[in-house]
Amino acid sequence: MSRWAVFDVDGTLFPPSSMEKAFLTFMLRKGVIPIENVFYYFLTATLTTVKSNYQEGFKNNKYYLTYLPVPPIQTAAKKFVKQIVWPRVSTTGINRIHVCRQQGYKILLMSGSPDFLTYPLATYLRPDVTIASELEIIHNRFSGRLMNLHPYGMRKTTILKNLSQKLSLDFQRSIVFANHHSDYHHMQLFGEAVAVNPTGKLRRLAQKDGWKIESWE
């Protein structure tokens, strides 16, 4: 069984919060994402939230990309990661990855952001495994749907448990770093958990469970 260091990206390694939100704002300003796609996103998100819940409505929703051609988005995302995301990745987080690797941990990155953002970031951080939101592509255009479980909330727990045998992941000898209270459930799987730049709720939960609390810049 292997020791793994699992790093959340959005809000942890990337302190400004969400790569996806930053990219969406950037693309809207550039006029690449049509405003009607944004309206469609909010419409489907609202209707799904009413029928199900907020997570299904907004977090798992990628309909702002519906029918957009894949190559221009991927090209723009790579440039965005290089110019905007990578320079703002936590220096403390980068150093912690290096230390964990030297200590014999395998490195796993986990992000709910789309694959076209998370994988380019992974080329800089060089993890052993990267988990991201895999977007469905039909005829070289985004459908707006996901191919896999969205790595958010309880679904992170499901994803990690499903991968544990394949990765020979020894939870009790592994460590996890995350920032949001929605991460609490999968953090409980690990022998060591670190709350990084935690939300107020995660801070209280971390204090209750005796976890380390760190501030990364």
N, C-alpha and C. Protein backbone atom coordinates (compact mmCIF):
# COMPACT_ATOMS: atom_id res chain seq x y z
N MET A 1 0.84 -1.20 0.00
CA MET A 1 0.00 0.00 0.00
C MET A 1 0.88 1.26 0.00
N SER A 2 0.40 2.28 -0.70
CA SER A 2 1.21 3.49 -0.91
C SER A 2 0.70 4.66 -0.08
N ARG A 3 1.65 5.53 0.26
CA ARG A 3 1.31 6.78 0.94
C ARG A 3 1.07 7.86 -0.10
N TRP A 4 -0.04 8.56 0.03
CA TRP A 4 -0.38 9.61 -0.91
C TRP A 4 -0.57 10.94 -0.19
N ALA A 5 -0.19 12.01 -0.87
CA ALA A 5 -0.50 13.37 -0.41
C ALA A 5 -1.50 13.93 -1.41
N VAL A 6 -2.71 14.19 -0.93
CA VAL A 6 -3.80 14.64 -1.79
C VAL A 6 -4.01 16.14 -1.60
N PHE A 7 -3.89 16.89 -2.69
CA PHE A 7 -3.99 18.34 -2.64
C PHE A 7 -5.22 18.82 -3.40
N ASP A 8 -6.07 19.55 -2.69
CA ASP A 8 -7.14 20.29 -3.35
C ASP A 8 -6.50 21.47 -4.09
N VAL A 9 -7.09 21.87 -5.21
CA VAL A 9 -6.52 22.97 -5.99
C VAL A 9 -7.20 24.30 -5.65
N ASP A 10 -8.48 24.40 -5.95
CA ASP A 10 -9.19 25.67 -5.84
C ASP A 10 -9.36 26.10 -4.38
N GLY A 11 -8.73 27.23 -4.03
CA GLY A 11 -8.79 27.73 -2.67
C GLY A 11 -7.67 27.21 -1.79
N THR A 12 -6.96 26.20 -2.26
CA THR A 12 -5.86 25.62 -1.47
C THR A 12 -4.53 25.91 -2.16
N LEU A 13 -4.24 25.21 -3.24
CA LEU A 13 -3.04 25.53 -4.01
C LEU A 13 -3.22 26.84 -4.78
N PHE A 14 -4.45 27.09 -5.19
CA PHE A 14 -4.78 28.34 -5.89
C PHE A 14 -5.64 29.18 -4.95
N PRO A 15 -5.01 29.97 -4.07
CA PRO A 15 -5.74 30.68 -3.01
C PRO A 15 -6.86 31.61 -3.48
N PRO A 16 -6.77 32.19 -4.70
CA PRO A 16 -7.89 33.07 -5.10
C PRO A 16 -9.23 32.37 -5.23
N SER A 17 -9.30 31.10 -4.95
CA SER A 17 -10.55 30.32 -4.94
C SER A 17 -10.66 29.43 -6.15
N SER A 18 -11.43 29.79 -7.15
CA SER A 18 -11.76 28.85 -8.23
C SER A 18 -11.12 29.26 -9.55
N MET A 19 -10.35 28.34 -10.14
CA MET A 19 -9.80 28.57 -11.47
C MET A 19 -10.92 28.76 -12.48
N GLU A 20 -11.97 27.97 -12.32
CA GLU A 20 -13.08 28.02 -13.28
C GLU A 20 -13.77 29.37 -13.28
N LYS A 21 -14.07 29.89 -12.09
CA LYS A 21 -14.73 31.19 -12.01
C LYS A 21 -13.85 32.28 -12.63
N ALA A 22 -12.57 32.24 -12.33
CA ALA A 22 -11.65 33.24 -12.87
C ALA A 22 -11.58 33.14 -14.39
N PHE A 23 -11.55 31.91 -14.90
CA PHE A 23 -11.47 31.70 -16.35
C PHE A 23 -12.76 32.16 -17.03
N LEU A 24 -13.90 31.85 -16.43
CA LEU A 24 -15.19 32.26 -16.99
C LEU A 24 -15.28 33.78 -17.09
N THR A 25 -14.87 34.46 -16.02
CA THR A 25 -14.88 35.92 -16.04
C THR A 25 -13.96 36.45 -17.13
N PHE A 26 -12.78 35.86 -17.25
CA PHE A 26 -11.81 36.26 -18.26
C PHE A 26 -12.37 36.06 -19.67
N MET A 27 -13.01 34.93 -19.92
CA MET A 27 -13.54 34.62 -21.25
C MET A 27 -14.75 35.47 -21.60
N LEU A 28 -15.55 35.82 -20.61
CA LEU A 28 -16.68 36.72 -20.85
C LEU A 28 -16.19 38.10 -21.26
N ARG A 29 -15.15 38.57 -20.59
CA ARG A 29 -14.59 39.88 -20.95
C ARG A 29 -14.01 39.87 -22.36
N LYS A 30 -13.47 38.72 -22.77
CA LYS A 30 -12.91 38.59 -24.11
C LYS A 30 -13.99 38.38 -25.17
N GLY A 31 -15.21 38.10 -24.72
CA GLY A 31 -16.30 37.87 -25.66
C GLY A 31 -16.28 36.50 -26.30
N VAL A 32 -15.52 35.56 -25.70
CA VAL A 32 -15.40 34.21 -26.27
C VAL A 32 -16.63 33.36 -25.94
N ILE A 33 -17.16 33.56 -24.74
CA ILE A 33 -18.36 32.82 -24.33
C ILE A 33 -19.58 33.70 -24.55
N PRO A 34 -20.48 33.28 -25.43
CA PRO A 34 -21.67 34.09 -25.73
C PRO A 34 -22.53 34.30 -24.49
N ILE A 35 -23.14 35.46 -24.41
CA ILE A 35 -23.96 35.78 -23.25
C ILE A 35 -25.16 34.84 -23.14
N GLU A 36 -25.65 34.34 -24.31
CA GLU A 36 -26.78 33.41 -24.26
C GLU A 36 -26.39 32.10 -23.57
N ASN A 37 -25.11 31.71 -23.66
CA ASN A 37 -24.66 30.52 -22.95
C ASN A 37 -24.73 30.73 -21.43
N VAL A 38 -24.42 31.95 -21.01
CA VAL A 38 -24.49 32.26 -19.58
C VAL A 38 -25.93 32.22 -19.10
N PHE A 39 -26.84 32.77 -19.90
CA PHE A 39 -28.26 32.72 -19.54
C PHE A 39 -28.74 31.27 -19.45
N TYR A 40 -28.30 30.46 -20.40
CA TYR A 40 -28.69 29.05 -20.41
C TYR A 40 -28.14 28.35 -19.16
N TYR A 41 -26.92 28.70 -18.80
CA TYR A 41 -26.31 28.13 -17.60
C TYR A 41 -27.15 28.44 -16.36
N PHE A 42 -27.49 29.71 -16.19
CA PHE A 42 -28.26 30.11 -15.00
C PHE A 42 -29.68 29.53 -15.02
N LEU A 43 -30.26 29.42 -16.21
CA LEU A 43 -31.60 28.84 -16.31
C LEU A 43 -31.58 27.38 -15.89
N THR A 44 -30.68 26.60 -16.48
CA THR A 44 -30.60 25.18 -16.13
C THR A 44 -30.18 24.99 -14.68
N ALA A 45 -29.29 25.85 -14.20
CA ALA A 45 -28.83 25.76 -12.80
C ALA A 45 -29.98 26.00 -11.83
N THR A 46 -30.77 27.02 -12.13
CA THR A 46 -31.89 27.35 -11.25
C THR A 46 -32.94 26.25 -11.24
N LEU A 47 -33.29 25.76 -12.42
CA LEU A 47 -34.29 24.70 -12.51
C LEU A 47 -33.82 23.42 -11.82
N THR A 48 -32.54 23.09 -12.01
CA THR A 48 -32.00 21.87 -11.39
C THR A 48 -31.92 22.02 -9.88
N THR A 49 -31.59 23.22 -9.42
CA THR A 49 -31.52 23.46 -7.98
C THR A 49 -32.90 23.28 -7.34
N VAL A 50 -33.94 23.78 -8.01
CA VAL A 50 -35.30 23.64 -7.50
C VAL A 50 -35.68 22.16 -7.43
N LYS A 51 -35.30 21.40 -8.46
CA LYS A 51 -35.66 19.98 -8.52
C LYS A 51 -34.78 19.12 -7.61
N SER A 52 -33.51 19.53 -7.47
CA SER A 52 -32.56 18.69 -6.73
C SER A 52 -31.91 19.48 -5.59
N ASN A 53 -30.75 20.08 -5.90
CA ASN A 53 -30.05 20.88 -4.88
C ASN A 53 -29.06 21.82 -5.56
N TYR A 54 -28.45 22.68 -4.75
CA TYR A 54 -27.53 23.68 -5.27
C TYR A 54 -26.33 23.05 -5.96
N GLN A 55 -25.81 21.98 -5.37
CA GLN A 55 -24.63 21.34 -5.95
C GLN A 55 -24.92 20.84 -7.35
N GLU A 56 -26.06 20.16 -7.53
CA GLU A 56 -26.41 19.66 -8.85
C GLU A 56 -26.68 20.82 -9.81
N GLY A 57 -27.29 21.88 -9.28
CA GLY A 57 -27.67 22.99 -10.15
C GLY A 57 -26.50 23.83 -10.63
N PHE A 58 -25.62 24.19 -9.72
CA PHE A 58 -24.55 25.12 -10.07
C PHE A 58 -23.17 24.48 -10.14
N LYS A 59 -22.81 23.67 -9.16
CA LYS A 59 -21.46 23.11 -9.12
C LYS A 59 -21.21 22.11 -10.25
N ASN A 60 -22.20 21.29 -10.57
CA ASN A 60 -22.01 20.26 -11.59
C ASN A 60 -22.40 20.74 -12.99
N ASN A 61 -22.71 21.99 -13.11
CA ASN A 61 -23.26 22.55 -14.35
C ASN A 61 -22.16 23.21 -15.17
N LYS A 62 -21.96 22.74 -16.40
CA LYS A 62 -20.97 23.33 -17.30
C LYS A 62 -21.63 23.79 -18.60
N TYR A 63 -22.92 24.12 -18.51
CA TYR A 63 -23.67 24.45 -19.72
C TYR A 63 -23.27 25.79 -20.34
N TYR A 64 -22.47 26.58 -19.67
CA TYR A 64 -21.98 27.81 -20.29
C TYR A 64 -21.05 27.49 -21.47
N LEU A 65 -20.63 26.22 -21.57
CA LEU A 65 -19.75 25.80 -22.67
C LEU A 65 -20.50 25.12 -23.82
N THR A 66 -21.79 24.98 -23.69
CA THR A 66 -22.57 24.21 -24.66
C THR A 66 -22.35 24.68 -26.10
N TYR A 67 -21.99 23.71 -26.96
CA TYR A 67 -21.79 23.90 -28.41
C TYR A 67 -20.55 24.71 -28.77
N LEU A 68 -19.76 25.10 -27.79
CA LEU A 68 -18.54 25.83 -28.13
C LEU A 68 -17.48 24.86 -28.65
N PRO A 69 -16.74 25.26 -29.67
CA PRO A 69 -15.68 24.39 -30.21
C PRO A 69 -14.57 24.19 -29.19
N VAL A 70 -14.03 22.98 -29.15
CA VAL A 70 -13.06 22.62 -28.13
C VAL A 70 -11.69 23.29 -28.30
N PRO A 71 -11.07 23.24 -29.49
CA PRO A 71 -9.69 23.75 -29.62
C PRO A 71 -9.48 25.19 -29.13
N PRO A 72 -10.35 26.17 -29.47
CA PRO A 72 -10.10 27.53 -28.99
C PRO A 72 -10.16 27.65 -27.46
N ILE A 73 -11.07 26.89 -26.84
CA ILE A 73 -11.19 26.94 -25.38
C ILE A 73 -9.95 26.33 -24.74
N GLN A 74 -9.49 25.21 -25.26
CA GLN A 74 -8.30 24.56 -24.72
C GLN A 74 -7.07 25.44 -24.87
N THR A 75 -6.94 26.09 -26.03
CA THR A 75 -5.80 26.97 -26.27
C THR A 75 -5.83 28.17 -25.31
N ALA A 76 -7.02 28.76 -25.16
CA ALA A 76 -7.15 29.90 -24.25
C ALA A 76 -6.89 29.48 -22.81
N ALA A 77 -7.33 28.27 -22.45
CA ALA A 77 -7.14 27.79 -21.08
C ALA A 77 -5.66 27.58 -20.77
N LYS A 78 -4.90 27.05 -21.70
CA LYS A 78 -3.48 26.85 -21.48
C LYS A 78 -2.77 28.19 -21.26
N LYS A 79 -3.12 29.18 -22.05
CA LYS A 79 -2.53 30.51 -21.88
C LYS A 79 -2.95 31.12 -20.55
N PHE A 80 -4.21 30.92 -20.19
CA PHE A 80 -4.72 31.46 -18.93
C PHE A 80 -4.00 30.84 -17.75
N VAL A 81 -3.78 29.55 -17.79
CA VAL A 81 -3.07 28.88 -16.70
C VAL A 81 -1.63 29.39 -16.61
N LYS A 82 -0.99 29.53 -17.75
CA LYS A 82 0.40 29.99 -17.76
C LYS A 82 0.53 31.42 -17.26
N GLN A 83 -0.37 32.29 -17.70
CA GLN A 83 -0.23 33.72 -17.42
C GLN A 83 -0.92 34.16 -16.13
N ILE A 84 -2.02 33.50 -15.76
CA ILE A 84 -2.82 33.96 -14.63
C ILE A 84 -2.76 33.00 -13.44
N VAL A 85 -2.96 31.71 -13.70
CA VAL A 85 -3.08 30.75 -12.59
C VAL A 85 -1.72 30.41 -11.99
N TRP A 86 -0.80 29.94 -12.81
CA TRP A 86 0.48 29.47 -12.29
C TRP A 86 1.21 30.53 -11.47
N PRO A 87 1.27 31.80 -11.90
CA PRO A 87 1.95 32.81 -11.08
C PRO A 87 1.29 33.05 -9.72
N ARG A 88 0.02 32.63 -9.59
CA ARG A 88 -0.71 32.89 -8.33
C ARG A 88 -0.86 31.62 -7.49
N VAL A 89 -0.29 30.52 -7.94
CA VAL A 89 -0.31 29.30 -7.13
C VAL A 89 0.53 29.52 -5.88
N SER A 90 0.05 29.01 -4.78
CA SER A 90 0.70 29.21 -3.48
C SER A 90 2.14 28.68 -3.48
N THR A 91 3.07 29.57 -3.12
CA THR A 91 4.47 29.14 -2.99
C THR A 91 4.60 28.12 -1.86
N THR A 92 3.85 28.33 -0.78
CA THR A 92 3.86 27.37 0.32
C THR A 92 3.36 26.01 -0.15
N GLY A 93 2.31 26.02 -0.97
CA GLY A 93 1.76 24.78 -1.49
C GLY A 93 2.74 24.04 -2.40
N ILE A 94 3.41 24.80 -3.26
CA ILE A 94 4.41 24.19 -4.14
C ILE A 94 5.52 23.54 -3.32
N ASN A 95 5.98 24.25 -2.30
CA ASN A 95 7.03 23.71 -1.44
C ASN A 95 6.56 22.46 -0.71
N ARG A 96 5.28 22.47 -0.29
CA ARG A 96 4.75 21.31 0.43
C ARG A 96 4.68 20.09 -0.49
N ILE A 97 4.35 20.30 -1.73
CA ILE A 97 4.36 19.19 -2.69
C ILE A 97 5.76 18.61 -2.81
N HIS A 98 6.76 19.47 -2.92
CA HIS A 98 8.15 19.01 -3.02
C HIS A 98 8.55 18.22 -1.77
N VAL A 99 8.19 18.73 -0.61
CA VAL A 99 8.55 18.06 0.65
C VAL A 99 7.86 16.68 0.72
N CYS A 100 6.58 16.65 0.40
CA CYS A 100 5.85 15.37 0.45
C CYS A 100 6.46 14.36 -0.52
N ARG A 101 6.86 14.83 -1.68
CA ARG A 101 7.47 13.93 -2.65
C ARG A 101 8.80 13.39 -2.11
N GLN A 102 9.58 14.25 -1.48
CA GLN A 102 10.85 13.83 -0.91
C GLN A 102 10.65 12.84 0.24
N GLN A 103 9.52 12.97 0.93
CA GLN A 103 9.22 12.07 2.05
C GLN A 103 8.63 10.74 1.59
N GLY A 104 8.49 10.57 0.29
CA GLY A 104 8.04 9.28 -0.24
C GLY A 104 6.56 9.20 -0.57
N TYR A 105 5.85 10.32 -0.43
CA TYR A 105 4.44 10.34 -0.80
C TYR A 105 4.28 10.43 -2.32
N LYS A 106 3.28 9.78 -2.84
CA LYS A 106 2.85 10.04 -4.20
C LYS A 106 1.89 11.22 -4.15
N ILE A 107 1.84 11.99 -5.24
CA ILE A 107 1.09 13.23 -5.24
C ILE A 107 -0.17 13.10 -6.10
N LEU A 108 -1.31 13.51 -5.53
CA LEU A 108 -2.57 13.51 -6.24
C LEU A 108 -3.20 14.89 -6.16
N LEU A 109 -3.52 15.46 -7.32
CA LEU A 109 -4.24 16.73 -7.38
C LEU A 109 -5.71 16.44 -7.63
N MET A 110 -6.59 17.17 -6.94
CA MET A 110 -8.02 16.99 -7.13
C MET A 110 -8.70 18.34 -7.25
N SER A 111 -9.40 18.55 -8.37
CA SER A 111 -10.07 19.82 -8.60
C SER A 111 -11.41 19.60 -9.28
N GLY A 112 -12.38 20.40 -8.87
CA GLY A 112 -13.68 20.38 -9.54
C GLY A 112 -13.69 21.22 -10.80
N SER A 113 -12.60 21.95 -11.05
CA SER A 113 -12.51 22.76 -12.27
C SER A 113 -12.38 21.85 -13.49
N PRO A 114 -12.73 22.35 -14.67
CA PRO A 114 -12.68 21.53 -15.88
C PRO A 114 -11.28 21.00 -16.18
N ASP A 115 -11.26 19.89 -16.88
CA ASP A 115 -9.99 19.26 -17.24
C ASP A 115 -9.09 20.17 -18.06
N PHE A 116 -9.67 21.04 -18.90
CA PHE A 116 -8.83 21.89 -19.75
C PHE A 116 -8.08 22.96 -18.94
N LEU A 117 -8.46 23.15 -17.67
CA LEU A 117 -7.70 24.02 -16.77
C LEU A 117 -6.79 23.23 -15.84
N THR A 118 -7.32 22.14 -15.30
CA THR A 118 -6.58 21.38 -14.29
C THR A 118 -5.38 20.65 -14.88
N TYR A 119 -5.52 20.06 -16.06
CA TYR A 119 -4.40 19.32 -16.65
C TYR A 119 -3.24 20.23 -17.05
N PRO A 120 -3.49 21.40 -17.63
CA PRO A 120 -2.35 22.30 -17.88
C PRO A 120 -1.63 22.71 -16.60
N LEU A 121 -2.38 22.94 -15.52
CA LEU A 121 -1.72 23.26 -14.24
C LEU A 121 -0.88 22.09 -13.76
N ALA A 122 -1.37 20.88 -14.01
CA ALA A 122 -0.64 19.68 -13.58
C ALA A 122 0.71 19.55 -14.28
N THR A 123 0.85 20.12 -15.47
CA THR A 123 2.15 20.04 -16.16
C THR A 123 3.23 20.81 -15.41
N TYR A 124 2.82 21.79 -14.60
CA TYR A 124 3.77 22.54 -13.78
C TYR A 124 4.05 21.84 -12.46
N LEU A 125 3.01 21.24 -11.87
CA LEU A 125 3.14 20.64 -10.54
C LEU A 125 3.57 19.17 -10.59
N ARG A 126 3.41 18.52 -11.71
CA ARG A 126 3.87 17.14 -11.97
C ARG A 126 3.38 16.13 -10.92
N PRO A 127 2.08 16.06 -10.66
CA PRO A 127 1.57 15.04 -9.75
C PRO A 127 1.61 13.66 -10.40
N ASP A 128 1.46 12.64 -9.58
CA ASP A 128 1.37 11.28 -10.11
C ASP A 128 -0.01 11.00 -10.70
N VAL A 129 -1.03 11.63 -10.13
CA VAL A 129 -2.41 11.45 -10.60
C VAL A 129 -3.12 12.79 -10.50
N THR A 130 -3.95 13.09 -11.50
CA THR A 130 -4.76 14.30 -11.49
C THR A 130 -6.22 13.94 -11.68
N ILE A 131 -7.07 14.47 -10.83
CA ILE A 131 -8.51 14.26 -10.93
C ILE A 131 -9.17 15.60 -11.19
N ALA A 132 -9.99 15.65 -12.23
CA ALA A 132 -10.66 16.90 -12.60
C ALA A 132 -12.04 16.59 -13.15
N SER A 133 -12.79 17.63 -13.47
CA SER A 133 -14.08 17.45 -14.13
C SER A 133 -13.83 17.18 -15.61
N GLU A 134 -14.16 15.98 -16.05
CA GLU A 134 -13.96 15.59 -17.44
C GLU A 134 -15.19 15.99 -18.26
N LEU A 135 -15.01 16.88 -19.22
CA LEU A 135 -16.14 17.38 -20.00
C LEU A 135 -16.43 16.51 -21.22
N GLU A 136 -17.69 16.30 -21.47
CA GLU A 136 -18.11 15.52 -22.64
C GLU A 136 -17.92 16.36 -23.90
N ILE A 137 -17.36 15.71 -24.92
CA ILE A 137 -17.13 16.36 -26.21
C ILE A 137 -17.83 15.56 -27.30
N ILE A 138 -18.63 16.24 -28.10
CA ILE A 138 -19.35 15.60 -29.21
C ILE A 138 -19.06 16.40 -30.48
N HIS A 139 -18.51 15.71 -31.49
CA HIS A 139 -18.16 16.36 -32.75
C HIS A 139 -17.27 17.59 -32.52
N ASN A 140 -16.32 17.42 -31.62
CA ASN A 140 -15.31 18.44 -31.31
C ASN A 140 -15.91 19.71 -30.71
N ARG A 141 -17.08 19.55 -30.07
CA ARG A 141 -17.69 20.66 -29.34
C ARG A 141 -18.12 20.18 -27.96
N PHE A 142 -18.11 21.08 -27.00
CA PHE A 142 -18.55 20.73 -25.65
C PHE A 142 -20.06 20.58 -25.61
N SER A 143 -20.51 19.55 -24.93
CA SER A 143 -21.95 19.36 -24.76
C SER A 143 -22.48 20.12 -23.55
N GLY A 144 -21.58 20.46 -22.63
CA GLY A 144 -21.99 21.09 -21.37
C GLY A 144 -22.19 20.08 -20.26
N ARG A 145 -22.07 18.80 -20.60
CA ARG A 145 -22.24 17.74 -19.60
C ARG A 145 -20.88 17.18 -19.19
N LEU A 146 -20.87 16.49 -18.05
CA LEU A 146 -19.65 15.87 -17.54
C LEU A 146 -19.61 14.39 -17.88
N MET A 147 -18.40 13.87 -18.03
CA MET A 147 -18.20 12.46 -18.33
C MET A 147 -18.05 11.63 -17.05
N ASN A 148 -17.73 12.30 -15.96
CA ASN A 148 -17.42 11.58 -14.72
C ASN A 148 -18.12 12.24 -13.54
N LEU A 149 -17.90 11.70 -12.37
CA LEU A 149 -18.41 12.35 -11.16
C LEU A 149 -17.69 13.68 -10.96
N HIS A 150 -18.44 14.70 -10.65
CA HIS A 150 -17.83 15.99 -10.40
C HIS A 150 -17.10 15.95 -9.06
N PRO A 151 -15.80 16.24 -9.03
CA PRO A 151 -15.04 16.17 -7.77
C PRO A 151 -15.40 17.31 -6.83
N TYR A 152 -16.51 17.16 -6.15
CA TYR A 152 -16.97 18.18 -5.21
C TYR A 152 -17.79 17.51 -4.11
N GLY A 153 -17.59 17.97 -2.87
CA GLY A 153 -18.38 17.46 -1.76
C GLY A 153 -18.21 15.97 -1.55
N MET A 154 -19.32 15.30 -1.28
CA MET A 154 -19.30 13.87 -1.01
C MET A 154 -18.77 13.06 -2.17
N ARG A 155 -18.86 13.62 -3.37
CA ARG A 155 -18.38 12.88 -4.54
C ARG A 155 -16.87 12.69 -4.53
N LYS A 156 -16.16 13.58 -3.86
CA LYS A 156 -14.72 13.37 -3.70
C LYS A 156 -14.46 12.10 -2.89
N THR A 157 -15.28 11.89 -1.88
CA THR A 157 -15.15 10.67 -1.07
C THR A 157 -15.37 9.44 -1.94
N THR A 158 -16.41 9.47 -2.75
CA THR A 158 -16.72 8.35 -3.64
C THR A 158 -15.59 8.10 -4.63
N ILE A 159 -15.08 9.17 -5.22
CA ILE A 159 -14.00 9.04 -6.20
C ILE A 159 -12.76 8.42 -5.56
N LEU A 160 -12.38 8.91 -4.39
CA LEU A 160 -11.18 8.39 -3.73
C LEU A 160 -11.34 6.93 -3.31
N LYS A 161 -12.50 6.59 -2.80
CA LYS A 161 -12.75 5.19 -2.42
C LYS A 161 -12.71 4.29 -3.64
N ASN A 162 -13.27 4.76 -4.75
CA ASN A 162 -13.27 3.96 -5.98
C ASN A 162 -11.86 3.77 -6.53
N LEU A 163 -10.99 4.75 -6.30
CA LEU A 163 -9.63 4.69 -6.82
C LEU A 163 -8.64 4.03 -5.86
N SER A 164 -9.06 3.84 -4.63
CA SER A 164 -8.11 3.42 -3.60
C SER A 164 -7.40 2.11 -3.93
N GLN A 165 -8.12 1.14 -4.46
CA GLN A 165 -7.49 -0.14 -4.79
C GLN A 165 -6.53 0.01 -5.97
N LYS A 166 -6.97 0.72 -6.99
CA LYS A 166 -6.12 0.93 -8.17
C LYS A 166 -4.83 1.65 -7.81
N LEU A 167 -4.93 2.62 -6.90
CA LEU A 167 -3.75 3.41 -6.52
C LEU A 167 -3.00 2.82 -5.34
N SER A 168 -3.51 1.72 -4.79
CA SER A 168 -2.95 1.14 -3.56
C SER A 168 -2.86 2.21 -2.48
N LEU A 169 -3.93 2.99 -2.35
CA LEU A 169 -3.96 4.14 -1.45
C LEU A 169 -4.23 3.69 -0.02
N ASP A 170 -3.23 3.89 0.82
CA ASP A 170 -3.37 3.58 2.24
C ASP A 170 -3.82 4.86 2.94
N PHE A 171 -5.12 4.98 3.18
CA PHE A 171 -5.66 6.21 3.74
C PHE A 171 -5.02 6.58 5.08
N GLN A 172 -4.79 5.60 5.93
CA GLN A 172 -4.29 5.90 7.27
C GLN A 172 -2.85 6.41 7.26
N ARG A 173 -2.09 6.10 6.22
CA ARG A 173 -0.71 6.56 6.13
C ARG A 173 -0.56 7.74 5.16
N SER A 174 -1.69 8.27 4.73
CA SER A 174 -1.68 9.35 3.74
C SER A 174 -2.16 10.65 4.37
N ILE A 175 -1.97 11.74 3.60
CA ILE A 175 -2.29 13.08 4.10
C ILE A 175 -3.10 13.83 3.06
N VAL A 176 -3.99 14.71 3.52
CA VAL A 176 -4.84 15.48 2.62
C VAL A 176 -4.81 16.95 3.00
N PHE A 177 -4.84 17.82 2.00
CA PHE A 177 -4.85 19.26 2.19
C PHE A 177 -6.05 19.85 1.47
N ALA A 178 -6.89 20.60 2.18
CA ALA A 178 -8.07 21.19 1.56
C ALA A 178 -8.52 22.41 2.35
N ASN A 179 -9.40 23.21 1.75
CA ASN A 179 -9.75 24.50 2.35
C ASN A 179 -11.22 24.68 2.69
N HIS A 180 -12.10 23.88 2.11
CA HIS A 180 -13.54 24.18 2.22
C HIS A 180 -14.27 23.14 3.06
N HIS A 181 -15.33 23.59 3.75
CA HIS A 181 -16.07 22.64 4.58
C HIS A 181 -16.74 21.53 3.77
N SER A 182 -16.93 21.76 2.47
CA SER A 182 -17.47 20.70 1.62
C SER A 182 -16.46 19.56 1.45
N ASP A 183 -15.19 19.82 1.81
CA ASP A 183 -14.14 18.80 1.73
C ASP A 183 -14.06 17.92 2.98
N TYR A 184 -14.81 18.28 3.99
CA TYR A 184 -14.67 17.63 5.29
C TYR A 184 -14.83 16.11 5.21
N HIS A 185 -15.80 15.64 4.44
CA HIS A 185 -16.09 14.20 4.40
C HIS A 185 -14.91 13.40 3.85
N HIS A 186 -14.31 13.87 2.75
CA HIS A 186 -13.19 13.08 2.22
C HIS A 186 -11.93 13.27 3.07
N MET A 187 -11.83 14.40 3.77
CA MET A 187 -10.68 14.61 4.65
C MET A 187 -10.70 13.62 5.81
N GLN A 188 -11.89 13.20 6.22
CA GLN A 188 -12.01 12.25 7.33
C GLN A 188 -11.45 10.87 6.98
N LEU A 189 -11.24 10.60 5.70
CA LEU A 189 -10.72 9.30 5.30
C LEU A 189 -9.25 9.12 5.68
N PHE A 190 -8.55 10.24 5.87
CA PHE A 190 -7.09 10.20 5.94
C PHE A 190 -6.56 10.18 7.38
N GLY A 191 -5.40 9.56 7.51
CA GLY A 191 -4.75 9.52 8.82
C GLY A 191 -4.29 10.88 9.27
N GLU A 192 -3.99 11.77 8.31
CA GLU A 192 -3.58 13.14 8.63
C GLU A 192 -4.29 14.09 7.67
N ALA A 193 -4.90 15.12 8.24
CA ALA A 193 -5.61 16.11 7.44
C ALA A 193 -5.15 17.50 7.84
N VAL A 194 -5.00 18.37 6.83
CA VAL A 194 -4.57 19.74 7.08
C VAL A 194 -5.58 20.69 6.44
N ALA A 195 -6.16 21.56 7.26
CA ALA A 195 -7.09 22.57 6.76
C ALA A 195 -6.29 23.80 6.35
N VAL A 196 -6.31 24.10 5.06
CA VAL A 196 -5.49 25.19 4.51
C VAL A 196 -6.40 26.38 4.18
N ASN A 197 -6.05 27.56 4.71
CA ASN A 197 -6.88 28.74 4.47
C ASN A 197 -8.36 28.39 4.64
N PRO A 198 -8.73 27.77 5.75
CA PRO A 198 -10.06 27.16 5.85
C PRO A 198 -11.20 28.17 5.96
N THR A 199 -12.35 27.75 5.45
CA THR A 199 -13.58 28.50 5.71
C THR A 199 -13.84 28.43 7.21
N GLY A 200 -14.70 29.32 7.69
CA GLY A 200 -15.00 29.32 9.12
C GLY A 200 -15.52 27.99 9.61
N LYS A 201 -16.38 27.37 8.81
CA LYS A 201 -16.97 26.09 9.21
C LYS A 201 -15.91 25.00 9.24
N LEU A 202 -15.02 24.96 8.23
CA LEU A 202 -13.98 23.93 8.23
C LEU A 202 -13.01 24.17 9.39
N ARG A 203 -12.74 25.42 9.70
CA ARG A 203 -11.85 25.72 10.83
C ARG A 203 -12.40 25.12 12.12
N ARG A 204 -13.71 25.32 12.33
CA ARG A 204 -14.34 24.77 13.55
C ARG A 204 -14.29 23.25 13.56
N LEU A 205 -14.53 22.64 12.40
CA LEU A 205 -14.49 21.17 12.31
C LEU A 205 -13.07 20.66 12.53
N ALA A 206 -12.09 21.38 11.97
CA ALA A 206 -10.69 20.97 12.11
C ALA A 206 -10.25 21.07 13.57
N GLN A 207 -10.68 22.11 14.25
CA GLN A 207 -10.34 22.27 15.67
C GLN A 207 -10.98 21.15 16.49
N LYS A 208 -12.21 20.79 16.14
CA LYS A 208 -12.90 19.71 16.85
C LYS A 208 -12.17 18.39 16.68
N ASP A 209 -11.66 18.14 15.47
CA ASP A 209 -11.01 16.86 15.18
C ASP A 209 -9.51 16.87 15.44
N GLY A 210 -8.97 18.02 15.85
CA GLY A 210 -7.54 18.09 16.15
C GLY A 210 -6.65 18.12 14.93
N TRP A 211 -7.16 18.62 13.80
CA TRP A 211 -6.36 18.70 12.58
C TRP A 211 -5.49 19.95 12.60
N LYS A 212 -4.42 19.91 11.83
CA LYS A 212 -3.59 21.09 11.66
C LYS A 212 -4.34 22.12 10.83
N ILE A 213 -4.09 23.39 11.13
CA ILE A 213 -4.66 24.49 10.37
C ILE A 213 -3.51 25.38 9.90
N GLU A 214 -3.43 25.60 8.59
CA GLU A 214 -2.31 26.36 8.04
C GLU A 214 -2.82 27.45 7.12
N SER A 215 -2.01 28.52 7.03
CA SER A 215 -2.29 29.62 6.11
C SER A 215 -1.25 29.60 5.01
N TRP A 216 -1.70 29.43 3.79
CA TRP A 216 -0.78 29.38 2.64
C TRP A 216 -0.91 30.64 1.81
N GLU A 217 0.21 31.13 1.36
CA GLU A 217 0.22 32.29 0.47
C GLU A 217 0.93 31.92 -0.83
